[in-house]
Amino acid sequence: MASNIAGLLAYILGFITGIIFLVIEPYKRDSFVRFHAFQSIFLSAACILCAIGWAILSGILFAVSLGFLWHFVLLAWLLIRLGFFLIWLFMMYKAYNNERFMLPIIGPLAANQAR
């Protein structure tokens, strides 16, 4: 399988496929696949941390406003999830086109780990 296809597939199931491509023999030595696998893992971790933080924040806002702000909180959460989904699609597109696009915070971390 070509490196660009492996880089794309590293994003498919988030950290699960990222870890798989870091362990599979022909790809664990390929720096391009390693970069995208690490970036996939870090993007998944950011998404999970955002979901946990948002759950705590929305619980506090719901308790304070007695449910009045629930619709606004739900709309904001849907927009955040849409943003993560679009980033996920964009990263798969970039990996397929043999590009190393670095996301703002996690990109340099993934580049350091991929060396």
PDB file of N, CA and C in Angstrom:
ATOM      1  N   MET A   1       0.853  -1.171   0.000  1.00  0.00           N
ATOM      2  CA  MET A   1       0.000   0.000   0.000  1.00  0.00           C
ATOM      3  C   MET A   1       0.904   1.241   0.000  1.00  0.00           C
ATOM      4  N   ALA A   2       0.503   2.245  -0.744  1.00  0.00           N
ATOM      5  CA  ALA A   2       1.281   3.473  -0.841  1.00  0.00           C
ATOM      6  C   ALA A   2       1.210   4.262   0.469  1.00  0.00           C
ATOM      7  N   SER A   3       2.213   5.106   0.673  1.00  0.00           N
ATOM      8  CA  SER A   3       2.278   5.886   1.914  1.00  0.00           C
ATOM      9  C   SER A   3       1.106   6.850   2.053  1.00  0.00           C
ATOM     10  N   ASN A   4       0.655   7.417   0.940  1.00  0.00           N
ATOM     11  CA  ASN A   4      -0.454   8.370   1.048  1.00  0.00           C
ATOM     12  C   ASN A   4      -1.755   7.674   1.454  1.00  0.00           C
ATOM     13  N   ILE A   5      -1.966   6.457   1.000  1.00  0.00           N
ATOM     14  CA  ILE A   5      -3.160   5.703   1.400  1.00  0.00           C
ATOM     15  C   ILE A   5      -3.065   5.319   2.876  1.00  0.00           C
ATOM     16  N   ALA A   6      -1.879   4.906   3.314  1.00  0.00           N
ATOM     17  CA  ALA A   6      -1.691   4.566   4.723  1.00  0.00           C
ATOM     18  C   ALA A   6      -1.868   5.801   5.604  1.00  0.00           C
ATOM     19  N   GLY A   7      -1.389   6.961   5.137  1.00  0.00           N
ATOM     20  CA  GLY A   7      -1.584   8.203   5.889  1.00  0.00           C
ATOM     21  C   GLY A   7      -3.054   8.565   6.007  1.00  0.00           C
ATOM     22  N   LEU A   8      -3.792   8.384   4.930  1.00  0.00           N
ATOM     23  CA  LEU A   8      -5.236   8.635   4.958  1.00  0.00           C
ATOM     24  C   LEU A   8      -5.930   7.675   5.921  1.00  0.00           C
ATOM     25  N   LEU A   9      -5.578   6.393   5.840  1.00  0.00           N
ATOM     26  CA  LEU A   9      -6.228   5.397   6.691  1.00  0.00           C
ATOM     27  C   LEU A   9      -5.890   5.572   8.170  1.00  0.00           C
ATOM     28  N   ALA A  10      -4.792   6.265   8.466  1.00  0.00           N
ATOM     29  CA  ALA A  10      -4.430   6.512   9.863  1.00  0.00           C
ATOM     30  C   ALA A  10      -5.468   7.396  10.547  1.00  0.00           C
ATOM     31  N   TYR A  11      -6.231   8.161   9.767  1.00  0.00           N
ATOM     32  CA  TYR A  11      -7.246   9.047  10.343  1.00  0.00           C
ATOM     33  C   TYR A  11      -8.628   8.393  10.455  1.00  0.00           C
ATOM     34  N   ILE A  12      -8.856   7.298   9.783  1.00  0.00           N
ATOM     35  CA  ILE A  12     -10.204   6.732   9.665  1.00  0.00           C
ATOM     36  C   ILE A  12     -10.860   6.473  11.016  1.00  0.00           C
ATOM     37  N   LEU A  13     -10.205   5.759  11.907  1.00  0.00           N
ATOM     38  CA  LEU A  13     -10.785   5.464  13.222  1.00  0.00           C
ATOM     39  C   LEU A  13     -10.062   6.202  14.347  1.00  0.00           C
ATOM     40  N   GLY A  14      -9.437   7.306  14.012  1.00  0.00           N
ATOM     41  CA  GLY A  14      -8.786   8.127  15.030  1.00  0.00           C
ATOM     42  C   GLY A  14      -7.573   7.460  15.631  1.00  0.00           C
ATOM     43  N   PHE A  15      -7.522   7.463  16.949  1.00  0.00           N
ATOM     44  CA  PHE A  15      -6.329   6.940  17.618  1.00  0.00           C
ATOM     45  C   PHE A  15      -6.158   5.434  17.422  1.00  0.00           C
ATOM     46  N   ILE A  16      -7.221   4.714  17.122  1.00  0.00           N
ATOM     47  CA  ILE A  16      -7.116   3.267  16.920  1.00  0.00           C
ATOM     48  C   ILE A  16      -6.274   2.963  15.679  1.00  0.00           C
ATOM     49  N   THR A  17      -6.634   3.547  14.550  1.00  0.00           N
ATOM     50  CA  THR A  17      -5.849   3.304  13.340  1.00  0.00           C
ATOM     51  C   THR A  17      -4.491   3.996  13.405  1.00  0.00           C
ATOM     52  N   GLY A  18      -4.408   5.098  14.142  1.00  0.00           N
ATOM     53  CA  GLY A  18      -3.112   5.730  14.334  1.00  0.00           C
ATOM     54  C   GLY A  18      -2.139   4.801  15.034  1.00  0.00           C
ATOM     55  N   ILE A  19      -2.590   4.157  16.077  1.00  0.00           N
ATOM     56  CA  ILE A  19      -1.735   3.207  16.806  1.00  0.00           C
ATOM     57  C   ILE A  19      -1.418   1.993  15.932  1.00  0.00           C
ATOM     58  N   ILE A  20      -2.399   1.524  15.184  1.00  0.00           N
ATOM     59  CA  ILE A  20      -2.170   0.361  14.314  1.00  0.00           C
ATOM     60  C   ILE A  20      -1.063   0.656  13.305  1.00  0.00           C
ATOM     61  N   PHE A  21      -1.087   1.846  12.683  1.00  0.00           N
ATOM     62  CA  PHE A  21      -0.065   2.169  11.691  1.00  0.00           C
ATOM     63  C   PHE A  21       1.290   2.473  12.323  1.00  0.00           C
ATOM     64  N   LEU A  22       1.322   2.760  13.606  1.00  0.00           N
ATOM     65  CA  LEU A  22       2.610   2.907  14.284  1.00  0.00           C
ATOM     66  C   LEU A  22       3.235   1.556  14.620  1.00  0.00           C
ATOM     67  N   VAL A  23       2.439   0.509  14.606  1.00  0.00           N
ATOM     68  CA  VAL A  23       2.919  -0.831  14.976  1.00  0.00           C
ATOM     69  C   VAL A  23       3.170  -1.708  13.750  1.00  0.00           C
ATOM     70  N   ILE A  24       2.410  -1.528  12.690  1.00  0.00           N
ATOM     71  CA  ILE A  24       2.547  -2.365  11.490  1.00  0.00           C
ATOM     72  C   ILE A  24       3.932  -2.155  10.882  1.00  0.00           C
ATOM     73  N   GLU A  25       4.564  -3.259  10.552  1.00  0.00           N
ATOM     74  CA  GLU A  25       5.974  -3.274  10.168  1.00  0.00           C
ATOM     75  C   GLU A  25       6.356  -2.365   8.999  1.00  0.00           C
ATOM     76  N   PRO A  26       5.772  -2.435   7.829  1.00  0.00           N
ATOM     77  CA  PRO A  26       6.346  -1.587   6.780  1.00  0.00           C
ATOM     78  C   PRO A  26       6.111  -0.097   7.002  1.00  0.00           C
ATOM     79  N   TYR A  27       5.123   0.269   7.792  1.00  0.00           N
ATOM     80  CA  TYR A  27       4.762   1.679   7.928  1.00  0.00           C
ATOM     81  C   TYR A  27       5.352   2.336   9.168  1.00  0.00           C
ATOM     82  N   LYS A  28       5.804   1.554  10.113  1.00  0.00           N
ATOM     83  CA  LYS A  28       6.330   2.167  11.333  1.00  0.00           C
ATOM     84  C   LYS A  28       7.685   2.830  11.106  1.00  0.00           C
ATOM     85  N   ARG A  29       8.299   2.568   9.969  1.00  0.00           N
ATOM     86  CA  ARG A  29       9.565   3.214   9.621  1.00  0.00           C
ATOM     87  C   ARG A  29       9.382   4.362   8.631  1.00  0.00           C
ATOM     88  N   ASP A  30       8.206   4.495   8.072  1.00  0.00           N
ATOM     89  CA  ASP A  30       7.917   5.557   7.102  1.00  0.00           C
ATOM     90  C   ASP A  30       7.561   6.841   7.856  1.00  0.00           C
ATOM     91  N   SER A  31       8.375   7.884   7.695  1.00  0.00           N
ATOM     92  CA  SER A  31       8.158   9.114   8.476  1.00  0.00           C
ATOM     93  C   SER A  31       6.854   9.814   8.098  1.00  0.00           C
ATOM     94  N   PHE A  32       6.438   9.702   6.836  1.00  0.00           N
ATOM     95  CA  PHE A  32       5.176  10.318   6.419  1.00  0.00           C
ATOM     96  C   PHE A  32       3.983   9.659   7.124  1.00  0.00           C
ATOM     97  N   VAL A  33       3.963   8.341   7.139  1.00  0.00           N
ATOM     98  CA  VAL A  33       2.869   7.616   7.789  1.00  0.00           C
ATOM     99  C   VAL A  33       2.925   7.831   9.298  1.00  0.00           C
ATOM    100  N   ARG A  34       4.129   7.827   9.861  1.00  0.00           N
ATOM    101  CA  ARG A  34       4.273   8.067  11.309  1.00  0.00           C
ATOM    102  C   ARG A  34       3.747   9.445  11.692  1.00  0.00           C
ATOM    103  N   PHE A  35       4.052  10.468  10.872  1.00  0.00           N
ATOM    104  CA  PHE A  35       3.559  11.817  11.162  1.00  0.00           C
ATOM    105  C   PHE A  35       2.034  11.839  11.199  1.00  0.00           C
ATOM    106  N   HIS A  36       1.415  11.269  10.174  1.00  0.00           N
ATOM    107  CA  HIS A  36      -0.047  11.295  10.121  1.00  0.00           C
ATOM    108  C   HIS A  36      -0.671  10.405  11.195  1.00  0.00           C
ATOM    109  N   ALA A  37      -0.010   9.327  11.554  1.00  0.00           N
ATOM    110  CA  ALA A  37      -0.524   8.477  12.632  1.00  0.00           C
ATOM    111  C   ALA A  37      -0.480   9.225  13.967  1.00  0.00           C
ATOM    112  N   PHE A  38       0.644   9.884  14.254  1.00  0.00           N
ATOM    113  CA  PHE A  38       0.727  10.651  15.494  1.00  0.00           C
ATOM    114  C   PHE A  38      -0.238  11.826  15.495  1.00  0.00           C
ATOM    115  N   GLN A  39      -0.376  12.494  14.369  1.00  0.00           N
ATOM    116  CA  GLN A  39      -1.308  13.615  14.319  1.00  0.00           C
ATOM    117  C   GLN A  39      -2.748  13.132  14.484  1.00  0.00           C
ATOM    118  N   SER A  40      -3.065  11.964  13.962  1.00  0.00           N
ATOM    119  CA  SER A  40      -4.385  11.374  14.150  1.00  0.00           C
ATOM    120  C   SER A  40      -4.642  11.060  15.624  1.00  0.00           C
ATOM    121  N   ILE A  41      -3.635  10.511  16.287  1.00  0.00           N
ATOM    122  CA  ILE A  41      -3.768  10.209  17.715  1.00  0.00           C
ATOM    123  C   ILE A  41      -3.979  11.488  18.515  1.00  0.00           C
ATOM    124  N   PHE A  42      -3.175  12.513  18.230  1.00  0.00           N
ATOM    125  CA  PHE A  42      -3.291  13.768  18.974  1.00  0.00           C
ATOM    126  C   PHE A  42      -4.597  14.497  18.660  1.00  0.00           C
ATOM    127  N   LEU A  43      -5.066  14.411  17.421  1.00  0.00           N
ATOM    128  CA  LEU A  43      -6.358  15.026  17.063  1.00  0.00           C
ATOM    129  C   LEU A  43      -7.501  14.317  17.785  1.00  0.00           C
ATOM    130  N   SER A  44      -7.432  13.007  17.867  1.00  0.00           N
ATOM    131  CA  SER A  44      -8.459  12.249  18.597  1.00  0.00           C
ATOM    132  C   SER A  44      -8.444  12.593  20.077  1.00  0.00           C
ATOM    133  N   ALA A  45      -7.247  12.725  20.646  1.00  0.00           N
ATOM    134  CA  ALA A  45      -7.137  13.097  22.055  1.00  0.00           C
ATOM    135  C   ALA A  45      -7.703  14.493  22.291  1.00  0.00           C
ATOM    136  N   ALA A  46      -7.439  15.418  21.375  1.00  0.00           N
ATOM    137  CA  ALA A  46      -7.988  16.776  21.505  1.00  0.00           C
ATOM    138  C   ALA A  46      -9.508  16.760  21.425  1.00  0.00           C
ATOM    139  N   CYS A  47     -10.052  15.939  20.543  1.00  0.00           N
ATOM    140  CA  CYS A  47     -11.503  15.828  20.408  1.00  0.00           C
ATOM    141  C   CYS A  47     -12.125  15.254  21.680  1.00  0.00           C
ATOM    142  N   ILE A  48     -11.493  14.230  22.241  1.00  0.00           N
ATOM    143  CA  ILE A  48     -12.006  13.618  23.475  1.00  0.00           C
ATOM    144  C   ILE A  48     -11.918  14.594  24.643  1.00  0.00           C
ATOM    145  N   LEU A  49     -10.796  15.298  24.765  1.00  0.00           N
ATOM    146  CA  LEU A  49     -10.646  16.286  25.838  1.00  0.00           C
ATOM    147  C   LEU A  49     -11.644  17.432  25.687  1.00  0.00           C
ATOM    148  N   CYS A  50     -11.890  17.838  24.453  1.00  0.00           N
ATOM    149  CA  CYS A  50     -12.883  18.887  24.206  1.00  0.00           C
ATOM    150  C   CYS A  50     -14.277  18.409  24.600  1.00  0.00           C
ATOM    151  N   ALA A  51     -14.602  17.166  24.296  1.00  0.00           N
ATOM    152  CA  ALA A  51     -15.910  16.623  24.654  1.00  0.00           C
ATOM    153  C   ALA A  51     -16.083  16.556  26.170  1.00  0.00           C
ATOM    154  N   ILE A  52     -15.035  16.146  26.879  1.00  0.00           N
ATOM    155  CA  ILE A  52     -15.115  16.086  28.342  1.00  0.00           C
ATOM    156  C   ILE A  52     -15.264  17.490  28.923  1.00  0.00           C
ATOM    157  N   GLY A  53     -14.446  18.408  28.439  1.00  0.00           N
ATOM    158  CA  GLY A  53     -14.539  19.794  28.917  1.00  0.00           C
ATOM    159  C   GLY A  53     -15.890  20.415  28.615  1.00  0.00           C
ATOM    160  N   TRP A  54     -16.406  20.143  27.431  1.00  0.00           N
ATOM    161  CA  TRP A  54     -17.712  20.690  27.066  1.00  0.00           C
ATOM    162  C   TRP A  54     -18.832  20.088  27.905  1.00  0.00           C
ATOM    163  N   ALA A  55     -18.727  18.817  28.234  1.00  0.00           N
ATOM    164  CA  ALA A  55     -19.744  18.186  29.078  1.00  0.00           C
ATOM    165  C   ALA A  55     -19.765  18.829  30.467  1.00  0.00           C
ATOM    166  N   ILE A  56     -18.598  19.092  31.013  1.00  0.00           N
ATOM    167  CA  ILE A  56     -18.523  19.746  32.322  1.00  0.00           C
ATOM    168  C   ILE A  56     -19.078  21.162  32.244  1.00  0.00           C
ATOM    169  N   LEU A  57     -18.653  21.912  31.219  1.00  0.00           N
ATOM    170  CA  LEU A  57     -19.124  23.288  31.070  1.00  0.00           C
ATOM    171  C   LEU A  57     -20.621  23.354  30.826  1.00  0.00           C
ATOM    172  N   SER A  58     -21.144  22.485  29.992  1.00  0.00           N
ATOM    173  CA  SER A  58     -22.582  22.517  29.714  1.00  0.00           C
ATOM    174  C   SER A  58     -23.389  22.095  30.946  1.00  0.00           C
ATOM    175  N   GLY A  59     -22.849  21.165  31.737  1.00  0.00           N
ATOM    176  CA  GLY A  59     -23.525  20.793  32.982  1.00  0.00           C
ATOM    177  C   GLY A  59     -23.600  21.962  33.948  1.00  0.00           C
ATOM    178  N   ILE A  60     -22.515  22.712  34.050  1.00  0.00           N
ATOM    179  CA  ILE A  60     -22.508  23.892  34.917  1.00  0.00           C
ATOM    180  C   ILE A  60     -23.463  24.955  34.391  1.00  0.00           C
ATOM    181  N   LEU A  61     -23.424  25.212  33.077  1.00  0.00           N
ATOM    182  CA  LEU A  61     -24.329  26.209  32.501  1.00  0.00           C
ATOM    183  C   LEU A  61     -25.792  25.794  32.639  1.00  0.00           C
ATOM    184  N   PHE A  62     -26.064  24.513  32.491  1.00  0.00           N
ATOM    185  CA  PHE A  62     -27.431  24.026  32.632  1.00  0.00           C
ATOM    186  C   PHE A  62     -27.916  24.212  34.066  1.00  0.00           C
ATOM    187  N   ALA A  63     -27.049  23.925  35.028  1.00  0.00           N
ATOM    188  CA  ALA A  63     -27.438  24.060  36.433  1.00  0.00           C
ATOM    189  C   ALA A  63     -27.631  25.518  36.814  1.00  0.00           C
ATOM    190  N   VAL A  64     -26.771  26.386  36.320  1.00  0.00           N
ATOM    191  CA  VAL A  64     -26.853  27.806  36.674  1.00  0.00           C
ATOM    192  C   VAL A  64     -28.067  28.472  36.036  1.00  0.00           C
ATOM    193  N   SER A  65     -28.336  28.148  34.782  1.00  0.00           N
ATOM    194  CA  SER A  65     -29.430  28.816  34.077  1.00  0.00           C
ATOM    195  C   SER A  65     -30.742  28.063  34.171  1.00  0.00           C
ATOM    196  N   LEU A  66     -30.753  26.939  34.874  1.00  0.00           N
ATOM    197  CA  LEU A  66     -31.952  26.111  35.025  1.00  0.00           C
ATOM    198  C   LEU A  66     -32.520  25.674  33.685  1.00  0.00           C
ATOM    199  N   GLY A  67     -31.627  25.399  32.730  1.00  0.00           N
ATOM    200  CA  GLY A  67     -32.050  24.898  31.434  1.00  0.00           C
ATOM    201  C   GLY A  67     -32.373  25.968  30.413  1.00  0.00           C
ATOM    202  N   PHE A  68     -32.301  27.233  30.785  1.00  0.00           N
ATOM    203  CA  PHE A  68     -32.654  28.304  29.863  1.00  0.00           C
ATOM    204  C   PHE A  68     -31.688  28.390  28.684  1.00  0.00           C
ATOM    205  N   LEU A  69     -30.402  28.145  28.921  1.00  0.00           N
ATOM    206  CA  LEU A  69     -29.405  28.268  27.867  1.00  0.00           C
ATOM    207  C   LEU A  69     -29.161  26.968  27.108  1.00  0.00           C
ATOM    208  N   TRP A  70     -29.973  25.952  27.336  1.00  0.00           N
ATOM    209  CA  TRP A  70     -29.735  24.640  26.768  1.00  0.00           C
ATOM    210  C   TRP A  70     -29.660  24.665  25.240  1.00  0.00           C
ATOM    211  N   HIS A  71     -30.515  25.418  24.584  1.00  0.00           N
ATOM    212  CA  HIS A  71     -30.527  25.455  23.126  1.00  0.00           C
ATOM    213  C   HIS A  71     -29.250  26.093  22.579  1.00  0.00           C
ATOM    214  N   PHE A  72     -28.758  27.119  23.257  1.00  0.00           N
ATOM    215  CA  PHE A  72     -27.528  27.761  22.816  1.00  0.00           C
ATOM    216  C   PHE A  72     -26.315  26.858  23.041  1.00  0.00           C
ATOM    217  N   VAL A  73     -26.326  26.148  24.144  1.00  0.00           N
ATOM    218  CA  VAL A  73     -25.242  25.217  24.442  1.00  0.00           C
ATOM    219  C   VAL A  73     -25.242  24.086  23.418  1.00  0.00           C
ATOM    220  N   LEU A  74     -26.393  23.578  23.082  1.00  0.00           N
ATOM    221  CA  LEU A  74     -26.497  22.511  22.094  1.00  0.00           C
ATOM    222  C   LEU A  74     -26.042  22.982  20.715  1.00  0.00           C
ATOM    223  N   LEU A  75     -26.431  24.176  20.317  1.00  0.00           N
ATOM    224  CA  LEU A  75     -26.012  24.720  19.029  1.00  0.00           C
ATOM    225  C   LEU A  75     -24.500  24.904  18.982  1.00  0.00           C
ATOM    226  N   ALA A  76     -23.920  25.427  20.051  1.00  0.00           N
ATOM    227  CA  ALA A  76     -22.470  25.602  20.096  1.00  0.00           C
ATOM    228  C   ALA A  76     -21.762  24.260  20.018  1.00  0.00           C
ATOM    229  N   TRP A  77     -22.271  23.251  20.718  1.00  0.00           N
ATOM    230  CA  TRP A  77     -21.649  21.927  20.684  1.00  0.00           C
ATOM    231  C   TRP A  77     -21.723  21.317  19.291  1.00  0.00           C
ATOM    232  N   LEU A  78     -22.834  21.492  18.619  1.00  0.00           N
ATOM    233  CA  LEU A  78     -22.955  20.969  17.253  1.00  0.00           C
ATOM    234  C   LEU A  78     -21.973  21.655  16.311  1.00  0.00           C
ATOM    235  N   LEU A  79     -21.757  22.954  16.489  1.00  0.00           N
ATOM    236  CA  LEU A  79     -20.783  23.665  15.663  1.00  0.00           C
ATOM    237  C   LEU A  79     -19.361  23.197  15.940  1.00  0.00           C
ATOM    238  N   ILE A  80     -19.049  22.933  17.198  1.00  0.00           N
ATOM    239  CA  ILE A  80     -17.717  22.426  17.550  1.00  0.00           C
ATOM    240  C   ILE A  80     -17.507  21.043  16.938  1.00  0.00           C
ATOM    241  N   ARG A  81     -18.508  20.188  17.021  1.00  0.00           N
ATOM    242  CA  ARG A  81     -18.385  18.846  16.433  1.00  0.00           C
ATOM    243  C   ARG A  81     -18.254  18.917  14.919  1.00  0.00           C
ATOM    244  N   LEU A  82     -18.981  19.833  14.288  1.00  0.00           N
ATOM    245  CA  LEU A  82     -18.850  20.026  12.848  1.00  0.00           C
ATOM    246  C   LEU A  82     -17.433  20.472  12.502  1.00  0.00           C
ATOM    247  N   GLY A  83     -16.870  21.357  13.312  1.00  0.00           N
ATOM    248  CA  GLY A  83     -15.500  21.807  13.087  1.00  0.00           C
ATOM    249  C   GLY A  83     -14.499  20.666  13.168  1.00  0.00           C
ATOM    250  N   PHE A  84     -14.624  19.814  14.179  1.00  0.00           N
ATOM    251  CA  PHE A  84     -13.730  18.663  14.286  1.00  0.00           C
ATOM    252  C   PHE A  84     -13.912  17.710  13.100  1.00  0.00           C
ATOM    253  N   PHE A  85     -15.139  17.524  12.653  1.00  0.00           N
ATOM    254  CA  PHE A  85     -15.398  16.652  11.513  1.00  0.00           C
ATOM    255  C   PHE A  85     -14.755  17.211  10.247  1.00  0.00           C
ATOM    256  N   LEU A  86     -14.854  18.510  10.028  1.00  0.00           N
ATOM    257  CA  LEU A  86     -14.256  19.120   8.845  1.00  0.00           C
ATOM    258  C   LEU A  86     -12.737  19.060   8.899  1.00  0.00           C
ATOM    259  N   ILE A  87     -12.156  19.243  10.079  1.00  0.00           N
ATOM    260  CA  ILE A  87     -10.704  19.106  10.228  1.00  0.00           C
ATOM    261  C   ILE A  87     -10.282  17.671   9.911  1.00  0.00           C
ATOM    262  N   TRP A  88     -11.056  16.716  10.394  1.00  0.00           N
ATOM    263  CA  TRP A  88     -10.772  15.301  10.146  1.00  0.00           C
ATOM    264  C   TRP A  88     -10.779  15.010   8.642  1.00  0.00           C
ATOM    265  N   LEU A  89     -11.801  15.482   7.933  1.00  0.00           N
ATOM    266  CA  LEU A  89     -11.880  15.286   6.483  1.00  0.00           C
ATOM    267  C   LEU A  89     -10.724  15.981   5.768  1.00  0.00           C
ATOM    268  N   PHE A  90     -10.399  17.191   6.200  1.00  0.00           N
ATOM    269  CA  PHE A  90      -9.319  17.960   5.590  1.00  0.00           C
ATOM    270  C   PHE A  90      -7.979  17.244   5.756  1.00  0.00           C
ATOM    271  N   MET A  91      -7.750  16.676   6.933  1.00  0.00           N
ATOM    272  CA  MET A  91      -6.485  15.985   7.175  1.00  0.00           C
ATOM    273  C   MET A  91      -6.395  14.713   6.334  1.00  0.00           C
ATOM    274  N   MET A  92      -7.490  14.019   6.139  1.00  0.00           N
ATOM    275  CA  MET A  92      -7.470  12.846   5.268  1.00  0.00           C
ATOM    276  C   MET A  92      -7.173  13.259   3.823  1.00  0.00           C
ATOM    277  N   TYR A  93      -7.746  14.371   3.393  1.00  0.00           N
ATOM    278  CA  TYR A  93      -7.490  14.890   2.044  1.00  0.00           C
ATOM    279  C   TYR A  93      -6.018  15.248   1.867  1.00  0.00           C
ATOM    280  N   LYS A  94      -5.449  15.923   2.862  1.00  0.00           N
ATOM    281  CA  LYS A  94      -4.038  16.313   2.787  1.00  0.00           C
ATOM    282  C   LYS A  94      -3.122  15.092   2.787  1.00  0.00           C
ATOM    283  N   ALA A  95      -3.435  14.101   3.593  1.00  0.00           N
ATOM    284  CA  ALA A  95      -2.621  12.884   3.624  1.00  0.00           C
ATOM    285  C   ALA A  95      -2.695  12.166   2.279  1.00  0.00           C
ATOM    286  N   TYR A  96      -3.860  12.125   1.675  1.00  0.00           N
ATOM    287  CA  TYR A  96      -4.022  11.464   0.378  1.00  0.00           C
ATOM    288  C   TYR A  96      -3.208  12.175  -0.707  1.00  0.00           C
ATOM    289  N   ASN A  97      -3.071  13.499  -0.581  1.00  0.00           N
ATOM    290  CA  ASN A  97      -2.303  14.277  -1.560  1.00  0.00           C
ATOM    291  C   ASN A  97      -0.824  14.376  -1.212  1.00  0.00           C
ATOM    292  N   ASN A  98      -0.330  13.500  -0.336  1.00  0.00           N
ATOM    293  CA  ASN A  98       1.080  13.459   0.067  1.00  0.00           C
ATOM    294  C   ASN A  98       1.570  14.772   0.668  1.00  0.00           C
ATOM    295  N   GLU A  99       0.740  15.427   1.447  1.00  0.00           N
ATOM    296  CA  GLU A  99       1.121  16.682   2.096  1.00  0.00           C
ATOM    297  C   GLU A  99       1.188  16.490   3.595  1.00  0.00           C
ATOM    298  N   ARG A 100       2.151  17.156   4.209  1.00  0.00           N
ATOM    299  CA  ARG A 100       2.276  17.156   5.672  1.00  0.00           C
ATOM    300  C   ARG A 100       1.734  18.474   6.183  1.00  0.00           C
ATOM    301  N   PHE A 101       0.454  18.571   6.326  1.00  0.00           N
ATOM    302  CA  PHE A 101      -0.159  19.784   6.861  1.00  0.00           C
ATOM    303  C   PHE A 101      -0.155  19.681   8.379  1.00  0.00           C
ATOM    304  N   MET A 102       0.474  20.655   9.039  1.00  0.00           N
ATOM    305  CA  MET A 102       0.566  20.625  10.494  1.00  0.00           C
ATOM    306  C   MET A 102      -0.550  21.455  11.106  1.00  0.00           C
ATOM    307  N   LEU A 103      -1.336  20.825  11.943  1.00  0.00           N
ATOM    308  CA  LEU A 103      -2.350  21.547  12.702  1.00  0.00           C
ATOM    309  C   LEU A 103      -1.643  22.432  13.722  1.00  0.00           C
ATOM    310  N   PRO A 104      -2.252  23.544  14.144  1.00  0.00           N
ATOM    311  CA  PRO A 104      -1.547  24.552  14.944  1.00  0.00           C
ATOM    312  C   PRO A 104      -0.782  24.042  16.171  1.00  0.00           C
ATOM    313  N   ILE A 105      -1.359  23.313  17.035  1.00  0.00           N
ATOM    314  CA  ILE A 105      -0.657  22.924  18.259  1.00  0.00           C
ATOM    315  C   ILE A 105      -0.140  21.495  18.166  1.00  0.00           C
ATOM    316  N   ILE A 106      -0.951  20.611  17.633  1.00  0.00           N
ATOM    317  CA  ILE A 106      -0.572  19.199  17.631  1.00  0.00           C
ATOM    318  C   ILE A 106       0.329  18.816  16.463  1.00  0.00           C
ATOM    319  N   GLY A 107       0.384  19.617  15.433  1.00  0.00           N
ATOM    320  CA  GLY A 107       1.241  19.326  14.285  1.00  0.00           C
ATOM    321  C   GLY A 107       2.721  19.254  14.636  1.00  0.00           C
ATOM    322  N   PRO A 108       3.272  20.273  15.311  1.00  0.00           N
ATOM    323  CA  PRO A 108       4.685  20.184  15.699  1.00  0.00           C
ATOM    324  C   PRO A 108       4.965  19.021  16.663  1.00  0.00           C
ATOM    325  N   LEU A 109       4.018  18.715  17.535  1.00  0.00           N
ATOM    326  CA  LEU A 109       4.196  17.556  18.421  1.00  0.00           C
ATOM    327  C   LEU A 109       4.268  16.260  17.616  1.00  0.00           C
ATOM    328  N   ALA A 110       3.403  16.138  16.626  1.00  0.00           N
ATOM    329  CA  ALA A 110       3.412  14.945  15.779  1.00  0.00           C
ATOM    330  C   ALA A 110       4.694  14.872  14.957  1.00  0.00           C
ATOM    331  N   ALA A 111       5.182  16.022  14.470  1.00  0.00           N
ATOM    332  CA  ALA A 111       6.421  16.028  13.697  1.00  0.00           C
ATOM    333  C   ALA A 111       7.604  15.594  14.570  1.00  0.00           C
ATOM    334  N   ASN A 112       7.638  16.033  15.817  1.00  0.00           N
ATOM    335  CA  ASN A 112       8.725  15.622  16.717  1.00  0.00           C
ATOM    336  C   ASN A 112       8.657  14.131  17.023  1.00  0.00           C
ATOM    337  N   GLN A 113       7.476  13.591  17.195  1.00  0.00           N
ATOM    338  CA  GLN A 113       7.332  12.174  17.486  1.00  0.00           C
ATOM    339  C   GLN A 113       7.615  11.303  16.272  1.00  0.00           C
ATOM    340  N   ALA A 114       7.397  11.813  15.084  1.00  0.00           N
ATOM    341  CA  ALA A 114       7.559  11.026  13.863  1.00  0.00           C
ATOM    342  C   ALA A 114       9.017  10.838  13.467  1.00  0.00           C
ATOM    343  N   ARG A 115       9.910  11.562  14.062  1.00  0.00           N
ATOM    344  CA  ARG A 115      11.342  11.455  13.692  1.00  0.00           C
ATOM    345  C   ARG A 115      11.931  10.149  14.059  1.00  0.00           C
TER     346      ARG A 115
END
